Amino acid sequence: MNCSTTQLPYSNTGYFSKVVIDYLQQSPELRPFYEHLPDIEGIKAAIANRQQFIQERELLVEGLQEQYKTVTPSDKVQLNIQSLLQDNTFTVTTAHQPAIFTGHLYFIYKIVHTIRLADQLKKELPQYNFVPVFWMGSEDADLDELLAVGDSCFDAFDI
């Protein structure tokens, strides 16, 4: 079976803001707003930067173990949590804030992409461990924001 791929630049999709396009294209106008480039050299620089800070790794591991007390984490999850105790372990973190009128696909895509990025970084930088972390930003849900959507169809719910 012959397969071919075509790459479509983000700028041609019409789905990304100018800021996102400028960031991906490393526009000089945005450079003052972030420290590291979104490439392997930027990752190396970010790692070198993070190594300058004292980390409370034990506290992080204790918190994660507490969160997983009610479930049985897979061997890989347990290994990842324990590897956070090592100075050569870093996280690849993404987050998602629940949003109305969005589906599950983007949510799943972000998780899968984070896992794959952590795996790719391990191949590129084998001296380090990379733990994928997904943060659900549900603690800042804004009921007023939700009620302001559309035709007040949510007014019937007393939360």
N, C-alpha and C. Protein backbone atom coordinates (compact mmCIF):
# COMPACT_ATOMS: atom_id res chain seq x y z
N MET A 1 0.84 -1.17 0.00
CA MET A 1 0.00 0.00 0.00
C MET A 1 0.89 1.24 0.00
N ASN A 2 0.71 2.08 -0.98
CA ASN A 2 1.46 3.33 -1.05
C ASN A 2 0.69 4.42 -0.33
N CYS A 3 1.39 5.12 0.52
CA CYS A 3 0.77 6.23 1.25
C CYS A 3 1.61 7.48 1.03
N SER A 4 0.95 8.58 1.03
CA SER A 4 1.68 9.84 0.95
C SER A 4 1.07 10.81 1.95
N THR A 5 1.85 11.77 2.33
CA THR A 5 1.37 12.78 3.26
C THR A 5 1.56 14.16 2.65
N THR A 6 0.74 15.03 3.08
CA THR A 6 0.86 16.43 2.69
C THR A 6 0.84 17.26 3.96
N GLN A 7 1.79 18.14 4.07
CA GLN A 7 1.82 19.01 5.24
C GLN A 7 1.14 20.32 4.91
N LEU A 8 0.26 20.70 5.79
CA LEU A 8 -0.47 21.95 5.64
C LEU A 8 0.04 22.92 6.70
N PRO A 9 0.62 24.03 6.31
CA PRO A 9 1.10 24.98 7.30
C PRO A 9 -0.04 25.49 8.19
N TYR A 10 0.25 25.68 9.46
CA TYR A 10 -0.75 26.19 10.39
C TYR A 10 -1.40 27.46 9.86
N SER A 11 -0.59 28.31 9.25
CA SER A 11 -1.11 29.60 8.77
C SER A 11 -2.15 29.44 7.67
N ASN A 12 -2.14 28.31 6.97
CA ASN A 12 -3.09 28.09 5.88
C ASN A 12 -4.42 27.49 6.35
N THR A 13 -4.50 27.08 7.60
CA THR A 13 -5.72 26.43 8.08
C THR A 13 -6.83 27.42 8.40
N GLY A 14 -6.46 28.63 8.78
CA GLY A 14 -7.45 29.61 9.18
C GLY A 14 -7.98 29.40 10.59
N TYR A 15 -7.40 28.45 11.33
CA TYR A 15 -7.89 28.14 12.67
C TYR A 15 -7.01 28.66 13.80
N PHE A 16 -5.90 29.29 13.46
CA PHE A 16 -4.98 29.74 14.50
C PHE A 16 -4.82 31.25 14.43
N SER A 17 -4.70 31.84 15.61
CA SER A 17 -4.56 33.30 15.68
C SER A 17 -3.19 33.72 15.17
N LYS A 18 -3.05 34.99 14.89
CA LYS A 18 -1.78 35.54 14.43
C LYS A 18 -0.69 35.32 15.48
N VAL A 19 -1.05 35.41 16.75
CA VAL A 19 -0.06 35.20 17.81
C VAL A 19 0.50 33.77 17.75
N VAL A 20 -0.36 32.79 17.56
CA VAL A 20 0.09 31.40 17.47
C VAL A 20 0.97 31.21 16.24
N ILE A 21 0.55 31.73 15.12
CA ILE A 21 1.35 31.62 13.89
C ILE A 21 2.70 32.30 14.07
N ASP A 22 2.69 33.49 14.62
CA ASP A 22 3.95 34.21 14.85
C ASP A 22 4.87 33.44 15.79
N TYR A 23 4.30 32.83 16.83
CA TYR A 23 5.10 32.03 17.76
C TYR A 23 5.74 30.84 17.03
N LEU A 24 4.95 30.11 16.27
CA LEU A 24 5.46 28.95 15.56
C LEU A 24 6.51 29.32 14.52
N GLN A 25 6.37 30.51 13.95
CA GLN A 25 7.33 30.98 12.95
C GLN A 25 8.47 31.76 13.60
N GLN A 26 8.49 31.80 14.92
CA GLN A 26 9.53 32.46 15.70
C GLN A 26 9.72 33.92 15.29
N SER A 27 8.61 34.61 15.19
CA SER A 27 8.62 36.03 14.83
C SER A 27 9.42 36.83 15.86
N PRO A 28 10.31 37.70 15.42
CA PRO A 28 11.11 38.52 16.34
C PRO A 28 10.26 39.40 17.26
N GLU A 29 9.07 39.79 16.81
CA GLU A 29 8.21 40.64 17.63
C GLU A 29 7.74 39.94 18.91
N LEU A 30 7.62 38.62 18.87
CA LEU A 30 7.16 37.88 20.04
C LEU A 30 8.29 37.42 20.95
N ARG A 31 9.49 37.45 20.46
CA ARG A 31 10.63 36.89 21.19
C ARG A 31 10.79 37.43 22.62
N PRO A 32 10.49 38.69 22.90
CA PRO A 32 10.62 39.17 24.28
C PRO A 32 9.64 38.50 25.26
N PHE A 33 8.64 37.80 24.76
CA PHE A 33 7.60 37.24 25.63
C PHE A 33 7.84 35.79 26.06
N TYR A 34 8.87 35.16 25.54
CA TYR A 34 9.19 33.80 25.99
C TYR A 34 10.69 33.60 25.96
N GLU A 35 11.13 32.70 26.83
CA GLU A 35 12.56 32.53 27.03
C GLU A 35 13.18 31.51 26.08
N HIS A 36 12.49 30.40 25.82
CA HIS A 36 13.09 29.30 25.06
C HIS A 36 12.32 29.05 23.77
N LEU A 37 13.07 28.74 22.72
CA LEU A 37 12.46 28.45 21.43
C LEU A 37 11.76 27.08 21.46
N PRO A 38 10.72 26.91 20.65
CA PRO A 38 10.00 25.63 20.61
C PRO A 38 10.69 24.61 19.70
N ASP A 39 11.94 24.29 20.04
CA ASP A 39 12.70 23.29 19.30
C ASP A 39 13.61 22.55 20.28
N ILE A 40 14.38 21.59 19.79
CA ILE A 40 15.19 20.76 20.68
C ILE A 40 16.23 21.60 21.42
N GLU A 41 16.79 22.59 20.77
CA GLU A 41 17.76 23.46 21.45
C GLU A 41 17.08 24.26 22.55
N GLY A 42 15.84 24.67 22.31
CA GLY A 42 15.08 25.37 23.34
C GLY A 42 14.78 24.47 24.52
N ILE A 43 14.50 23.20 24.25
CA ILE A 43 14.26 22.23 25.32
C ILE A 43 15.53 22.05 26.15
N LYS A 44 16.67 21.93 25.48
CA LYS A 44 17.94 21.79 26.20
C LYS A 44 18.19 23.01 27.09
N ALA A 45 17.92 24.19 26.56
CA ALA A 45 18.11 25.41 27.34
C ALA A 45 17.14 25.47 28.53
N ALA A 46 15.91 25.03 28.31
CA ALA A 46 14.93 25.02 29.40
C ALA A 46 15.35 24.04 30.50
N ILE A 47 15.88 22.89 30.10
CA ILE A 47 16.36 21.92 31.08
C ILE A 47 17.51 22.51 31.89
N ALA A 48 18.46 23.12 31.21
CA ALA A 48 19.59 23.74 31.91
C ALA A 48 19.09 24.80 32.89
N ASN A 49 18.09 25.54 32.49
CA ASN A 49 17.52 26.57 33.35
C ASN A 49 16.84 25.95 34.57
N ARG A 50 16.04 24.91 34.36
CA ARG A 50 15.32 24.26 35.47
C ARG A 50 16.29 23.62 36.46
N GLN A 51 17.44 23.17 35.98
CA GLN A 51 18.40 22.52 36.87
C GLN A 51 19.01 23.51 37.87
N GLN A 52 18.80 24.79 37.66
CA GLN A 52 19.32 25.81 38.58
C GLN A 52 18.42 25.99 39.80
N PHE A 53 17.24 25.42 39.78
CA PHE A 53 16.27 25.61 40.86
C PHE A 53 16.17 24.37 41.73
N ILE A 54 16.01 24.59 43.01
CA ILE A 54 15.77 23.48 43.94
C ILE A 54 14.32 23.03 43.77
N GLN A 55 14.15 21.74 43.59
CA GLN A 55 12.81 21.19 43.40
C GLN A 55 12.40 20.39 44.64
N GLU A 56 11.16 20.48 45.01
CA GLU A 56 10.63 19.67 46.11
C GLU A 56 10.00 18.41 45.53
N ARG A 57 10.85 17.57 44.99
CA ARG A 57 10.40 16.38 44.28
C ARG A 57 9.65 15.41 45.20
N GLU A 58 10.09 15.28 46.43
CA GLU A 58 9.42 14.37 47.35
C GLU A 58 7.98 14.81 47.59
N LEU A 59 7.78 16.10 47.74
CA LEU A 59 6.43 16.64 47.96
C LEU A 59 5.54 16.36 46.75
N LEU A 60 6.09 16.53 45.55
CA LEU A 60 5.35 16.25 44.33
C LEU A 60 4.94 14.78 44.27
N VAL A 61 5.89 13.90 44.53
CA VAL A 61 5.61 12.46 44.48
C VAL A 61 4.57 12.08 45.53
N GLU A 62 4.69 12.63 46.74
CA GLU A 62 3.70 12.35 47.78
C GLU A 62 2.30 12.80 47.35
N GLY A 63 2.22 13.96 46.73
CA GLY A 63 0.93 14.46 46.26
C GLY A 63 0.33 13.58 45.18
N LEU A 64 1.15 13.13 44.25
CA LEU A 64 0.66 12.25 43.19
C LEU A 64 0.23 10.89 43.75
N GLN A 65 1.01 10.36 44.67
CA GLN A 65 0.64 9.08 45.28
C GLN A 65 -0.69 9.20 46.02
N GLU A 66 -0.90 10.33 46.67
CA GLU A 66 -2.18 10.56 47.36
C GLU A 66 -3.34 10.59 46.36
N GLN A 67 -3.13 11.24 45.23
CA GLN A 67 -4.18 11.32 44.21
C GLN A 67 -4.51 9.95 43.63
N TYR A 68 -3.54 9.07 43.56
CA TYR A 68 -3.74 7.76 42.96
C TYR A 68 -4.16 6.69 43.97
N LYS A 69 -4.41 7.06 45.22
CA LYS A 69 -4.77 6.08 46.25
C LYS A 69 -6.06 5.33 45.96
N THR A 70 -6.99 5.96 45.27
CA THR A 70 -8.29 5.32 45.06
C THR A 70 -8.36 4.51 43.76
N VAL A 71 -7.28 4.50 43.00
CA VAL A 71 -7.23 3.72 41.76
C VAL A 71 -5.94 2.90 41.76
N THR A 72 -5.87 1.95 40.87
CA THR A 72 -4.65 1.17 40.71
C THR A 72 -3.93 1.66 39.47
N PRO A 73 -2.89 2.46 39.65
CA PRO A 73 -2.18 2.97 38.48
C PRO A 73 -1.41 1.86 37.77
N SER A 74 -1.24 2.02 36.48
CA SER A 74 -0.48 1.04 35.71
C SER A 74 0.99 1.07 36.15
N ASP A 75 1.72 0.05 35.74
CA ASP A 75 3.15 0.00 36.07
C ASP A 75 3.88 1.22 35.51
N LYS A 76 3.50 1.63 34.30
CA LYS A 76 4.15 2.80 33.67
C LYS A 76 3.88 4.07 34.48
N VAL A 77 2.67 4.25 34.94
CA VAL A 77 2.34 5.43 35.75
C VAL A 77 3.14 5.40 37.05
N GLN A 78 3.21 4.25 37.70
CA GLN A 78 3.98 4.14 38.94
C GLN A 78 5.46 4.44 38.69
N LEU A 79 5.99 3.93 37.59
CA LEU A 79 7.39 4.19 37.23
C LEU A 79 7.61 5.68 36.99
N ASN A 80 6.69 6.30 36.27
CA ASN A 80 6.81 7.74 36.00
C ASN A 80 6.78 8.55 37.30
N ILE A 81 5.88 8.20 38.20
CA ILE A 81 5.80 8.94 39.47
C ILE A 81 7.11 8.78 40.24
N GLN A 82 7.62 7.57 40.33
CA GLN A 82 8.87 7.35 41.06
C GLN A 82 10.06 8.05 40.39
N SER A 83 10.05 8.12 39.06
CA SER A 83 11.17 8.76 38.36
C SER A 83 11.23 10.26 38.65
N LEU A 84 10.12 10.83 39.10
CA LEU A 84 10.12 12.26 39.44
C LEU A 84 11.04 12.57 40.62
N LEU A 85 11.44 11.56 41.36
CA LEU A 85 12.40 11.76 42.46
C LEU A 85 13.82 11.99 41.95
N GLN A 86 14.08 11.64 40.70
CA GLN A 86 15.42 11.76 40.13
C GLN A 86 15.64 13.16 39.55
N ASP A 87 16.85 13.67 39.75
CA ASP A 87 17.18 15.02 39.27
C ASP A 87 17.20 15.13 37.75
N ASN A 88 17.29 14.01 37.05
CA ASN A 88 17.32 14.05 35.59
C ASN A 88 15.94 13.81 34.96
N THR A 89 14.89 13.95 35.76
CA THR A 89 13.52 13.77 35.27
C THR A 89 12.82 15.11 35.19
N PHE A 90 12.14 15.31 34.07
CA PHE A 90 11.40 16.55 33.83
C PHE A 90 10.01 16.19 33.32
N THR A 91 9.09 17.10 33.49
CA THR A 91 7.73 16.85 33.02
C THR A 91 7.48 17.56 31.69
N VAL A 92 6.64 16.96 30.89
CA VAL A 92 6.09 17.59 29.70
C VAL A 92 4.61 17.76 30.03
N THR A 93 4.21 18.99 30.25
CA THR A 93 2.89 19.26 30.83
C THR A 93 1.98 19.97 29.85
N THR A 94 0.75 19.52 29.81
CA THR A 94 -0.29 20.24 29.09
C THR A 94 -1.50 20.33 30.03
N ALA A 95 -2.36 21.25 29.72
CA ALA A 95 -3.54 21.44 30.55
C ALA A 95 -4.75 21.66 29.65
N HIS A 96 -5.90 21.47 30.24
CA HIS A 96 -7.13 21.70 29.49
C HIS A 96 -8.17 22.25 30.44
N GLN A 97 -8.76 23.35 30.06
CA GLN A 97 -9.86 23.91 30.84
C GLN A 97 -11.16 23.50 30.16
N PRO A 98 -12.06 22.87 30.90
CA PRO A 98 -13.32 22.47 30.28
C PRO A 98 -13.99 23.67 29.61
N ALA A 99 -14.47 23.42 28.43
CA ALA A 99 -15.11 24.50 27.67
C ALA A 99 -16.42 23.99 27.10
N ILE A 100 -17.39 24.86 27.09
CA ILE A 100 -18.68 24.49 26.55
C ILE A 100 -18.58 24.49 25.02
N PHE A 101 -19.32 23.63 24.38
CA PHE A 101 -19.39 23.51 22.92
C PHE A 101 -18.12 22.95 22.29
N THR A 102 -17.30 22.26 23.07
CA THR A 102 -16.15 21.58 22.47
C THR A 102 -16.32 20.10 22.73
N GLY A 103 -15.74 19.31 21.85
CA GLY A 103 -15.88 17.87 21.98
C GLY A 103 -14.69 17.24 22.67
N HIS A 104 -14.69 15.92 22.67
CA HIS A 104 -13.64 15.16 23.35
C HIS A 104 -12.38 15.01 22.52
N LEU A 105 -12.45 15.19 21.22
CA LEU A 105 -11.32 14.89 20.36
C LEU A 105 -10.10 15.74 20.70
N TYR A 106 -10.28 17.04 20.89
CA TYR A 106 -9.14 17.91 21.18
C TYR A 106 -8.52 17.54 22.52
N PHE A 107 -9.34 17.22 23.48
CA PHE A 107 -8.92 16.78 24.81
C PHE A 107 -8.03 15.54 24.68
N ILE A 108 -8.47 14.56 23.94
CA ILE A 108 -7.71 13.33 23.73
C ILE A 108 -6.44 13.61 22.94
N TYR A 109 -6.55 14.44 21.91
CA TYR A 109 -5.38 14.79 21.10
C TYR A 109 -4.28 15.40 21.96
N LYS A 110 -4.64 16.29 22.86
CA LYS A 110 -3.64 16.93 23.72
C LYS A 110 -2.93 15.90 24.60
N ILE A 111 -3.67 14.97 25.14
CA ILE A 111 -3.08 13.93 25.98
C ILE A 111 -2.13 13.06 25.17
N VAL A 112 -2.59 12.57 24.02
CA VAL A 112 -1.76 11.71 23.18
C VAL A 112 -0.52 12.46 22.71
N HIS A 113 -0.68 13.71 22.32
CA HIS A 113 0.46 14.49 21.85
C HIS A 113 1.50 14.68 22.97
N THR A 114 1.05 14.89 24.18
CA THR A 114 1.97 15.07 25.31
C THR A 114 2.74 13.78 25.59
N ILE A 115 2.07 12.65 25.52
CA ILE A 115 2.73 11.36 25.71
C ILE A 115 3.77 11.14 24.62
N ARG A 116 3.39 11.40 23.38
CA ARG A 116 4.31 11.20 22.26
C ARG A 116 5.50 12.15 22.33
N LEU A 117 5.25 13.39 22.75
CA LEU A 117 6.34 14.35 22.88
C LEU A 117 7.32 13.91 23.96
N ALA A 118 6.82 13.42 25.08
CA ALA A 118 7.71 12.91 26.14
C ALA A 118 8.55 11.74 25.61
N ASP A 119 7.94 10.84 24.86
CA ASP A 119 8.67 9.71 24.27
C ASP A 119 9.74 10.19 23.28
N GLN A 120 9.38 11.16 22.45
CA GLN A 120 10.32 11.69 21.46
C GLN A 120 11.50 12.39 22.15
N LEU A 121 11.22 13.15 23.19
CA LEU A 121 12.29 13.83 23.92
C LEU A 121 13.24 12.82 24.56
N LYS A 122 12.71 11.71 25.06
CA LYS A 122 13.56 10.66 25.63
C LYS A 122 14.50 10.10 24.57
N LYS A 123 14.02 9.96 23.33
CA LYS A 123 14.87 9.47 22.24
C LYS A 123 15.94 10.50 21.89
N GLU A 124 15.55 11.76 21.86
CA GLU A 124 16.48 12.84 21.49
C GLU A 124 17.49 13.14 22.61
N LEU A 125 17.05 13.00 23.85
CA LEU A 125 17.87 13.34 25.01
C LEU A 125 17.84 12.18 26.00
N PRO A 126 18.49 11.06 25.67
CA PRO A 126 18.35 9.84 26.48
C PRO A 126 18.91 9.95 27.90
N GLN A 127 19.68 10.97 28.17
CA GLN A 127 20.23 11.15 29.52
C GLN A 127 19.18 11.67 30.50
N TYR A 128 18.01 12.03 29.99
CA TYR A 128 16.93 12.55 30.82
C TYR A 128 15.70 11.64 30.74
N ASN A 129 14.87 11.74 31.76
CA ASN A 129 13.56 11.10 31.75
C ASN A 129 12.51 12.20 31.58
N PHE A 130 11.46 11.89 30.86
CA PHE A 130 10.38 12.84 30.64
C PHE A 130 9.05 12.18 30.99
N VAL A 131 8.34 12.81 31.88
CA VAL A 131 7.06 12.29 32.35
C VAL A 131 5.94 13.16 31.79
N PRO A 132 5.03 12.57 31.01
CA PRO A 132 3.90 13.36 30.50
C PRO A 132 2.91 13.64 31.63
N VAL A 133 2.48 14.89 31.72
CA VAL A 133 1.53 15.29 32.76
C VAL A 133 0.37 16.01 32.10
N PHE A 134 -0.82 15.59 32.45
CA PHE A 134 -2.03 16.26 31.97
C PHE A 134 -2.72 16.88 33.17
N TRP A 135 -2.96 18.17 33.08
CA TRP A 135 -3.59 18.92 34.17
C TRP A 135 -4.98 19.34 33.72
N MET A 136 -5.99 18.91 34.45
CA MET A 136 -7.36 19.31 34.14
C MET A 136 -7.67 20.57 34.94
N GLY A 137 -7.80 21.68 34.25
CA GLY A 137 -8.04 22.96 34.91
C GLY A 137 -9.49 23.18 35.24
N SER A 138 -10.10 22.24 35.92
CA SER A 138 -11.54 22.34 36.20
C SER A 138 -11.85 23.14 37.46
N GLU A 139 -10.84 23.45 38.25
CA GLU A 139 -11.11 24.13 39.51
C GLU A 139 -11.48 25.60 39.33
N ASP A 140 -11.27 26.14 38.14
CA ASP A 140 -11.60 27.56 37.95
C ASP A 140 -12.81 27.75 37.04
N ALA A 141 -13.71 26.77 37.02
CA ALA A 141 -14.92 26.90 36.22
C ALA A 141 -15.71 28.13 36.68
N ASP A 142 -16.23 28.84 35.74
CA ASP A 142 -16.90 30.10 36.04
C ASP A 142 -18.37 29.99 35.66
N LEU A 143 -19.23 29.83 36.65
CA LEU A 143 -20.66 29.68 36.40
C LEU A 143 -21.22 30.93 35.72
N ASP A 144 -20.77 32.12 36.12
CA ASP A 144 -21.24 33.34 35.47
C ASP A 144 -20.91 33.34 33.98
N GLU A 145 -19.72 32.86 33.65
CA GLU A 145 -19.33 32.77 32.25
C GLU A 145 -20.24 31.80 31.51
N LEU A 146 -20.51 30.67 32.11
CA LEU A 146 -21.38 29.66 31.51
C LEU A 146 -22.78 30.21 31.30
N LEU A 147 -23.31 30.91 32.29
CA LEU A 147 -24.67 31.45 32.18
C LEU A 147 -24.79 32.54 31.13
N ALA A 148 -23.67 33.15 30.76
CA ALA A 148 -23.69 34.23 29.77
C ALA A 148 -23.69 33.70 28.34
N VAL A 149 -23.61 32.38 28.19
CA VAL A 149 -23.57 31.80 26.85
C VAL A 149 -24.97 31.72 26.27
N GLY A 150 -25.13 32.25 25.09
CA GLY A 150 -26.34 32.05 24.31
C GLY A 150 -27.63 32.59 24.87
N ASP A 151 -28.67 31.77 24.84
CA ASP A 151 -30.04 32.23 25.06
C ASP A 151 -30.56 31.96 26.47
N SER A 152 -29.70 31.92 27.43
CA SER A 152 -30.08 31.71 28.84
C SER A 152 -30.71 30.34 29.08
N CYS A 153 -30.42 29.38 28.24
CA CYS A 153 -30.99 28.05 28.42
C CYS A 153 -30.48 27.39 29.69
N PHE A 154 -29.43 27.92 30.28
CA PHE A 154 -28.89 27.34 31.50
C PHE A 154 -29.53 27.92 32.75
N ASP A 155 -30.37 28.93 32.60
CA ASP A 155 -31.00 29.56 33.76
C ASP A 155 -31.90 28.60 34.53
N ALA A 156 -32.35 27.55 33.88
CA ALA A 156 -33.27 26.62 34.53
C ALA A 156 -32.57 25.77 35.59
N PHE A 157 -31.25 25.71 35.55
CA PHE A 157 -30.51 24.89 36.50
C PHE A 157 -30.08 25.73 37.69
N ASP A 158 -30.41 25.27 38.86
CA ASP A 158 -30.01 25.95 40.08
C ASP A 158 -28.83 25.19 40.66
N ILE A 159 -27.65 25.75 40.49
CA ILE A 159 -26.43 25.05 40.93
C ILE A 159 -25.93 25.67 42.21
